[in-house]
Amino acid sequence: MSDDSNLDVLIRTGLTSPIGIGLAQSLLREARIPFFTMDQNPAARQEGGEFIGWWSVRVPREREAEAREILRSVEEIK
């Protein structure tokens, strides 16, 4: 989504579902925060059907606080 050279902060989120990850990506785009998905494994499921996995994203340092707030708000949605 952006020049990777300025995406210097890695944020590992608690997002595990494809829906939550999609919402986070949409909100980051809406806020015009450049990001790059570094690590994603939302497909694994536990026995009870719950998703396990992770989603990590790189963002510019100057937008880190704003990106973390957006990601935190998505993580809080249950």
PDB file of N, CA and C in Angstrom:
ATOM      1  N   MET A   1       0.814  -1.191   0.000  1.00  0.00           N
ATOM      2  CA  MET A   1       0.000   0.000   0.000  1.00  0.00           C
ATOM      3  C   MET A   1       0.863   1.262   0.000  1.00  0.00           C
ATOM      4  N   SER A   2       2.098   1.137   0.374  1.00  0.00           N
ATOM      5  CA  SER A   2       2.973   2.293   0.458  1.00  0.00           C
ATOM      6  C   SER A   2       4.409   1.848   0.245  1.00  0.00           C
ATOM      7  N   ASP A   3       5.296   2.814   0.146  1.00  0.00           N
ATOM      8  CA  ASP A   3       6.722   2.528   0.077  1.00  0.00           C
ATOM      9  C   ASP A   3       7.133   1.884   1.402  1.00  0.00           C
ATOM     10  N   ASP A   4       7.626   0.646   1.343  1.00  0.00           N
ATOM     11  CA  ASP A   4       7.954  -0.097   2.564  1.00  0.00           C
ATOM     12  C   ASP A   4       9.063   0.535   3.382  1.00  0.00           C
ATOM     13  N   SER A   5       9.868   1.412   2.808  1.00  0.00           N
ATOM     14  CA  SER A   5      11.000   1.977   3.528  1.00  0.00           C
ATOM     15  C   SER A   5      10.584   2.856   4.700  1.00  0.00           C
ATOM     16  N   ASN A   6       9.369   3.412   4.675  1.00  0.00           N
ATOM     17  CA  ASN A   6       8.940   4.253   5.789  1.00  0.00           C
ATOM     18  C   ASN A   6       7.996   3.521   6.750  1.00  0.00           C
ATOM     19  N   LEU A   7       7.813   2.232   6.550  1.00  0.00           N
ATOM     20  CA  LEU A   7       6.943   1.450   7.435  1.00  0.00           C
ATOM     21  C   LEU A   7       7.833   0.767   8.469  1.00  0.00           C
ATOM     22  N   ASP A   8       8.220   1.542   9.492  1.00  0.00           N
ATOM     23  CA  ASP A   8       9.267   1.085  10.396  1.00  0.00           C
ATOM     24  C   ASP A   8       8.799   0.571  11.745  1.00  0.00           C
ATOM     25  N   VAL A   9       7.495   0.489  11.982  1.00  0.00           N
ATOM     26  CA  VAL A   9       6.995  -0.014  13.258  1.00  0.00           C
ATOM     27  C   VAL A   9       6.157  -1.261  13.001  1.00  0.00           C
ATOM     28  N   LEU A  10       6.495  -2.353  13.679  1.00  0.00           N
ATOM     29  CA  LEU A  10       5.742  -3.594  13.567  1.00  0.00           C
ATOM     30  C   LEU A  10       4.770  -3.685  14.736  1.00  0.00           C
ATOM     31  N   ILE A  11       3.500  -3.898  14.430  1.00  0.00           N
ATOM     32  CA  ILE A  11       2.479  -4.064  15.464  1.00  0.00           C
ATOM     33  C   ILE A  11       1.904  -5.465  15.315  1.00  0.00           C
ATOM     34  N   ARG A  12       2.032  -6.269  16.355  1.00  0.00           N
ATOM     35  CA  ARG A  12       1.414  -7.598  16.362  1.00  0.00           C
ATOM     36  C   ARG A  12       0.087  -7.466  17.094  1.00  0.00           C
ATOM     37  N   THR A  13      -0.974  -7.753  16.405  1.00  0.00           N
ATOM     38  CA  THR A  13      -2.301  -7.536  16.973  1.00  0.00           C
ATOM     39  C   THR A  13      -2.860  -8.811  17.586  1.00  0.00           C
ATOM     40  N   GLY A  14      -3.970  -8.663  18.260  1.00  0.00           N
ATOM     41  CA  GLY A  14      -4.709  -9.806  18.778  1.00  0.00           C
ATOM     42  C   GLY A  14      -5.807 -10.235  17.832  1.00  0.00           C
ATOM     43  N   LEU A  15      -5.827  -9.665  16.638  1.00  0.00           N
ATOM     44  CA  LEU A  15      -6.860 -10.007  15.661  1.00  0.00           C
ATOM     45  C   LEU A  15      -6.599 -11.386  15.091  1.00  0.00           C
ATOM     46  N   THR A  16      -7.645 -12.213  15.078  1.00  0.00           N
ATOM     47  CA  THR A  16      -7.481 -13.569  14.585  1.00  0.00           C
ATOM     48  C   THR A  16      -8.507 -13.959  13.537  1.00  0.00           C
ATOM     49  N   SER A  17      -9.615 -13.253  13.448  1.00  0.00           N
ATOM     50  CA  SER A  17     -10.638 -13.648  12.483  1.00  0.00           C
ATOM     51  C   SER A  17     -10.492 -12.853  11.190  1.00  0.00           C
ATOM     52  N   PRO A  18     -10.819 -13.474  10.077  1.00  0.00           N
ATOM     53  CA  PRO A  18     -10.754 -12.763   8.804  1.00  0.00           C
ATOM     54  C   PRO A  18     -11.641 -11.513   8.783  1.00  0.00           C
ATOM     55  N   ILE A  19     -12.765 -11.556   9.482  1.00  0.00           N
ATOM     56  CA  ILE A  19     -13.672 -10.395   9.531  1.00  0.00           C
ATOM     57  C   ILE A  19     -13.008  -9.243  10.280  1.00  0.00           C
ATOM     58  N   GLY A  20     -12.402  -9.526  11.426  1.00  0.00           N
ATOM     59  CA  GLY A  20     -11.717  -8.491  12.196  1.00  0.00           C
ATOM     60  C   GLY A  20     -10.538  -7.909  11.441  1.00  0.00           C
ATOM     61  N   ILE A  21      -9.779  -8.772  10.780  1.00  0.00           N
ATOM     62  CA  ILE A  21      -8.639  -8.310  10.000  1.00  0.00           C
ATOM     63  C   ILE A  21      -9.113  -7.425   8.852  1.00  0.00           C
ATOM     64  N   GLY A  22     -10.180  -7.836   8.182  1.00  0.00           N
ATOM     65  CA  GLY A  22     -10.727  -7.036   7.087  1.00  0.00           C
ATOM     66  C   GLY A  22     -11.200  -5.674   7.565  1.00  0.00           C
ATOM     67  N   LEU A  23     -11.857  -5.641   8.731  1.00  0.00           N
ATOM     68  CA  LEU A  23     -12.316  -4.369   9.295  1.00  0.00           C
ATOM     69  C   LEU A  23     -11.132  -3.474   9.627  1.00  0.00           C
ATOM     70  N   ALA A  24     -10.107  -4.043  10.240  1.00  0.00           N
ATOM     71  CA  ALA A  24      -8.915  -3.256  10.582  1.00  0.00           C
ATOM     72  C   ALA A  24      -8.264  -2.683   9.327  1.00  0.00           C
ATOM     73  N   GLN A  25      -8.148  -3.489   8.289  1.00  0.00           N
ATOM     74  CA  GLN A  25      -7.563  -3.009   7.040  1.00  0.00           C
ATOM     75  C   GLN A  25      -8.391  -1.872   6.455  1.00  0.00           C
ATOM     76  N   SER A  26      -9.709  -2.011   6.477  1.00  0.00           N
ATOM     77  CA  SER A  26     -10.588  -0.959   5.954  1.00  0.00           C
ATOM     78  C   SER A  26     -10.441   0.337   6.745  1.00  0.00           C
ATOM     79  N   LEU A  27     -10.369   0.229   8.072  1.00  0.00           N
ATOM     80  CA  LEU A  27     -10.237   1.426   8.899  1.00  0.00           C
ATOM     81  C   LEU A  27      -8.883   2.103   8.718  1.00  0.00           C
ATOM     82  N   LEU A  28      -7.825   1.304   8.570  1.00  0.00           N
ATOM     83  CA  LEU A  28      -6.509   1.888   8.310  1.00  0.00           C
ATOM     84  C   LEU A  28      -6.498   2.613   6.968  1.00  0.00           C
ATOM     85  N   ARG A  29      -7.130   2.014   5.962  1.00  0.00           N
ATOM     86  CA  ARG A  29      -7.210   2.670   4.646  1.00  0.00           C
ATOM     87  C   ARG A  29      -8.030   3.957   4.736  1.00  0.00           C
ATOM     88  N   GLU A  30      -9.163   3.882   5.443  1.00  0.00           N
ATOM     89  CA  GLU A  30     -10.029   5.052   5.603  1.00  0.00           C
ATOM     90  C   GLU A  30      -9.284   6.202   6.283  1.00  0.00           C
ATOM     91  N   ALA A  31      -8.437   5.867   7.263  1.00  0.00           N
ATOM     92  CA  ALA A  31      -7.648   6.879   7.973  1.00  0.00           C
ATOM     93  C   ALA A  31      -6.411   7.293   7.171  1.00  0.00           C
ATOM     94  N   ARG A  32      -6.223   6.673   6.019  1.00  0.00           N
ATOM     95  CA  ARG A  32      -5.076   6.948   5.134  1.00  0.00           C
ATOM     96  C   ARG A  32      -3.738   6.695   5.834  1.00  0.00           C
ATOM     97  N   ILE A  33      -3.719   5.619   6.626  1.00  0.00           N
ATOM     98  CA  ILE A  33      -2.491   5.192   7.282  1.00  0.00           C
ATOM     99  C   ILE A  33      -1.856   4.106   6.402  1.00  0.00           C
ATOM    100  N   PRO A  34      -0.682   4.371   5.863  1.00  0.00           N
ATOM    101  CA  PRO A  34      -0.021   3.337   5.058  1.00  0.00           C
ATOM    102  C   PRO A  34       0.291   2.126   5.934  1.00  0.00           C
ATOM    103  N   PHE A  35       0.095   0.927   5.393  1.00  0.00           N
ATOM    104  CA  PHE A  35       0.404  -0.276   6.155  1.00  0.00           C
ATOM    105  C   PHE A  35       0.797  -1.396   5.205  1.00  0.00           C
ATOM    106  N   PHE A  36       1.464  -2.382   5.779  1.00  0.00           N
ATOM    107  CA  PHE A  36       1.854  -3.567   5.041  1.00  0.00           C
ATOM    108  C   PHE A  36       1.668  -4.760   5.967  1.00  0.00           C
ATOM    109  N   THR A  37       0.917  -5.752   5.527  1.00  0.00           N
ATOM    110  CA  THR A  37       0.712  -6.948   6.326  1.00  0.00           C
ATOM    111  C   THR A  37       1.990  -7.774   6.319  1.00  0.00           C
ATOM    112  N   MET A  38       2.525  -8.021   7.511  1.00  0.00           N
ATOM    113  CA  MET A  38       3.782  -8.753   7.638  1.00  0.00           C
ATOM    114  C   MET A  38       3.575 -10.241   7.885  1.00  0.00           C
ATOM    115  N   ASP A  39       2.556 -10.562   8.632  1.00  0.00           N
ATOM    116  CA  ASP A  39       2.400 -11.929   9.114  1.00  0.00           C
ATOM    117  C   ASP A  39       0.923 -12.163   9.328  1.00  0.00           C
ATOM    118  N   GLN A  40       0.378 -13.187   8.696  1.00  0.00           N
ATOM    119  CA  GLN A  40      -1.044 -13.427   8.855  1.00  0.00           C
ATOM    120  C   GLN A  40      -1.308 -14.922   8.820  1.00  0.00           C
ATOM    121  N   ASN A  41      -2.048 -15.393   9.793  1.00  0.00           N
ATOM    122  CA  ASN A  41      -2.455 -16.782   9.827  1.00  0.00           C
ATOM    123  C   ASN A  41      -3.819 -16.878  10.487  1.00  0.00           C
ATOM    124  N   PRO A  42      -4.871 -16.369   9.853  1.00  0.00           N
ATOM    125  CA  PRO A  42      -6.185 -16.416  10.475  1.00  0.00           C
ATOM    126  C   PRO A  42      -6.935 -17.715  10.210  1.00  0.00           C
ATOM    127  N   ALA A  43      -6.358 -18.645   9.448  1.00  0.00           N
ATOM    128  CA  ALA A  43      -7.111 -19.808   9.018  1.00  0.00           C
ATOM    129  C   ALA A  43      -7.151 -20.943  10.033  1.00  0.00           C
ATOM    130  N   ALA A  44      -6.219 -20.989  10.964  1.00  0.00           N
ATOM    131  CA  ALA A  44      -6.178 -22.091  11.920  1.00  0.00           C
ATOM    132  C   ALA A  44      -7.354 -22.004  12.892  1.00  0.00           C
ATOM    133  N   ARG A  45      -7.949 -23.140  13.200  1.00  0.00           N
ATOM    134  CA  ARG A  45      -9.078 -23.172  14.137  1.00  0.00           C
ATOM    135  C   ARG A  45      -8.774 -24.134  15.284  1.00  0.00           C
ATOM    136  N   GLN A  46      -9.269 -23.762  16.457  1.00  0.00           N
ATOM    137  CA  GLN A  46      -9.180 -24.660  17.602  1.00  0.00           C
ATOM    138  C   GLN A  46     -10.340 -25.648  17.507  1.00  0.00           C
ATOM    139  N   GLU A  47     -10.368 -26.619  18.406  1.00  0.00           N
ATOM    140  CA  GLU A  47     -11.418 -27.630  18.388  1.00  0.00           C
ATOM    141  C   GLU A  47     -12.809 -27.022  18.505  1.00  0.00           C
ATOM    142  N   GLY A  48     -12.957 -25.977  19.305  1.00  0.00           N
ATOM    143  CA  GLY A  48     -14.264 -25.364  19.516  1.00  0.00           C
ATOM    144  C   GLY A  48     -14.713 -24.469  18.371  1.00  0.00           C
ATOM    145  N   GLY A  49     -13.930 -24.380  17.312  1.00  0.00           N
ATOM    146  CA  GLY A  49     -14.310 -23.567  16.172  1.00  0.00           C
ATOM    147  C   GLY A  49     -13.792 -22.150  16.221  1.00  0.00           C
ATOM    148  N   GLU A  50     -13.162 -21.780  17.335  1.00  0.00           N
ATOM    149  CA  GLU A  50     -12.620 -20.430  17.453  1.00  0.00           C
ATOM    150  C   GLU A  50     -11.371 -20.296  16.588  1.00  0.00           C
ATOM    151  N   PHE A  51     -11.188 -19.105  16.033  1.00  0.00           N
ATOM    152  CA  PHE A  51      -9.974 -18.848  15.267  1.00  0.00           C
ATOM    153  C   PHE A  51      -8.805 -18.641  16.209  1.00  0.00           C
ATOM    154  N   ILE A  52      -7.671 -19.184  15.838  1.00  0.00           N
ATOM    155  CA  ILE A  52      -6.417 -18.854  16.504  1.00  0.00           C
ATOM    156  C   ILE A  52      -5.489 -18.352  15.413  1.00  0.00           C
ATOM    157  N   GLY A  53      -4.505 -17.630  15.768  1.00  0.00           N
ATOM    158  CA  GLY A  53      -3.603 -17.104  14.757  1.00  0.00           C
ATOM    159  C   GLY A  53      -3.161 -15.718  15.155  1.00  0.00           C
ATOM    160  N   TRP A  54      -2.823 -14.914  14.177  1.00  0.00           N
ATOM    161  CA  TRP A  54      -2.296 -13.589  14.458  1.00  0.00           C
ATOM    162  C   TRP A  54      -2.381 -12.752  13.204  1.00  0.00           C
ATOM    163  N   TRP A  55      -2.184 -11.485  13.394  1.00  0.00           N
ATOM    164  CA  TRP A  55      -2.062 -10.561  12.275  1.00  0.00           C
ATOM    165  C   TRP A  55      -1.100  -9.475  12.691  1.00  0.00           C
ATOM    166  N   SER A  56      -0.007  -9.337  11.976  1.00  0.00           N
ATOM    167  CA  SER A  56       0.982  -8.305  12.261  1.00  0.00           C
ATOM    168  C   SER A  56       1.041  -7.357  11.077  1.00  0.00           C
ATOM    169  N   VAL A  57       1.235  -6.083  11.391  1.00  0.00           N
ATOM    170  CA  VAL A  57       1.206  -5.054  10.362  1.00  0.00           C
ATOM    171  C   VAL A  57       2.321  -4.045  10.627  1.00  0.00           C
ATOM    172  N   ARG A  58       2.913  -3.523   9.563  1.00  0.00           N
ATOM    173  CA  ARG A  58       3.932  -2.460   9.680  1.00  0.00           C
ATOM    174  C   ARG A  58       3.291  -1.140   9.293  1.00  0.00           C
ATOM    175  N   VAL A  59       3.604  -0.112  10.073  1.00  0.00           N
ATOM    176  CA  VAL A  59       3.079   1.240   9.823  1.00  0.00           C
ATOM    177  C   VAL A  59       4.212   2.255  10.015  1.00  0.00           C
ATOM    178  N   PRO A  60       4.039   3.474   9.508  1.00  0.00           N
ATOM    179  CA  PRO A  60       5.050   4.511   9.750  1.00  0.00           C
ATOM    180  C   PRO A  60       5.078   4.919  11.221  1.00  0.00           C
ATOM    181  N   ARG A  61       6.267   5.203  11.734  1.00  0.00           N
ATOM    182  CA  ARG A  61       6.410   5.587  13.143  1.00  0.00           C
ATOM    183  C   ARG A  61       5.535   6.790  13.498  1.00  0.00           C
ATOM    184  N   GLU A  62       5.446   7.766  12.598  1.00  0.00           N
ATOM    185  CA  GLU A  62       4.673   8.973  12.907  1.00  0.00           C
ATOM    186  C   GLU A  62       3.166   8.721  12.956  1.00  0.00           C
ATOM    187  N   ARG A  63       2.713   7.557  12.503  1.00  0.00           N
ATOM    188  CA  ARG A  63       1.282   7.217  12.557  1.00  0.00           C
ATOM    189  C   ARG A  63       1.010   6.053  13.507  1.00  0.00           C
ATOM    190  N   GLU A  64       2.032   5.625  14.253  1.00  0.00           N
ATOM    191  CA  GLU A  64       1.908   4.447  15.119  1.00  0.00           C
ATOM    192  C   GLU A  64       0.787   4.576  16.147  1.00  0.00           C
ATOM    193  N   ALA A  65       0.732   5.677  16.871  1.00  0.00           N
ATOM    194  CA  ALA A  65      -0.283   5.839  17.925  1.00  0.00           C
ATOM    195  C   ALA A  65      -1.688   5.754  17.345  1.00  0.00           C
ATOM    196  N   GLU A  66      -1.893   6.413  16.227  1.00  0.00           N
ATOM    197  CA  GLU A  66      -3.206   6.396  15.579  1.00  0.00           C
ATOM    198  C   GLU A  66      -3.558   4.976  15.097  1.00  0.00           C
ATOM    199  N   ALA A  67      -2.584   4.286  14.513  1.00  0.00           N
ATOM    200  CA  ALA A  67      -2.821   2.920  14.040  1.00  0.00           C
ATOM    201  C   ALA A  67      -3.130   1.991  15.207  1.00  0.00           C
ATOM    202  N   ARG A  68      -2.386   2.128  16.310  1.00  0.00           N
ATOM    203  CA  ARG A  68      -2.642   1.279  17.479  1.00  0.00           C
ATOM    204  C   ARG A  68      -4.039   1.514  18.043  1.00  0.00           C
ATOM    205  N   GLU A  69      -4.485   2.759  18.048  1.00  0.00           N
ATOM    206  CA  GLU A  69      -5.831   3.072  18.546  1.00  0.00           C
ATOM    207  C   GLU A  69      -6.897   2.412  17.676  1.00  0.00           C
ATOM    208  N   ILE A  70      -6.714   2.485  16.373  1.00  0.00           N
ATOM    209  CA  ILE A  70      -7.668   1.842  15.453  1.00  0.00           C
ATOM    210  C   ILE A  70      -7.678   0.323  15.679  1.00  0.00           C
ATOM    211  N   LEU A  71      -6.509  -0.268  15.756  1.00  0.00           N
ATOM    212  CA  LEU A  71      -6.426  -1.723  15.955  1.00  0.00           C
ATOM    213  C   LEU A  71      -7.014  -2.132  17.293  1.00  0.00           C
ATOM    214  N   ARG A  72      -6.763  -1.347  18.332  1.00  0.00           N
ATOM    215  CA  ARG A  72      -7.320  -1.638  19.656  1.00  0.00           C
ATOM    216  C   ARG A  72      -8.840  -1.596  19.618  1.00  0.00           C
ATOM    217  N   SER A  73      -9.397  -0.628  18.902  1.00  0.00           N
ATOM    218  CA  SER A  73     -10.856  -0.519  18.833  1.00  0.00           C
ATOM    219  C   SER A  73     -11.463  -1.725  18.133  1.00  0.00           C
ATOM    220  N   VAL A  74     -10.790  -2.249  17.119  1.00  0.00           N
ATOM    221  CA  VAL A  74     -11.292  -3.444  16.427  1.00  0.00           C
ATOM    222  C   VAL A  74     -11.158  -4.661  17.327  1.00  0.00           C
ATOM    223  N   GLU A  75     -10.051  -4.779  18.060  1.00  0.00           N
ATOM    224  CA  GLU A  75      -9.853  -5.909  18.963  1.00  0.00           C
ATOM    225  C   GLU A  75     -10.914  -5.962  20.057  1.00  0.00           C
ATOM    226  N   GLU A  76     -11.424  -4.800  20.468  1.00  0.00           N
ATOM    227  CA  GLU A  76     -12.407  -4.734  21.547  1.00  0.00           C
ATOM    228  C   GLU A  76     -13.804  -5.145  21.100  1.00  0.00           C
ATOM    229  N   ILE A  77     -14.048  -5.173  19.805  1.00  0.00           N
ATOM    230  CA  ILE A  77     -15.356  -5.588  19.294  1.00  0.00           C
ATOM    231  C   ILE A  77     -15.475  -7.104  19.454  1.00  0.00           C
ATOM    232  N   LYS A  78     -16.467  -7.521  20.145  1.00  0.00           N
ATOM    233  CA  LYS A  78     -16.689  -8.969  20.354  1.00  0.00           C
ATOM    234  C   LYS A  78     -17.986  -9.389  19.761  1.00  0.00           C
TER     235      LYS A  78
END
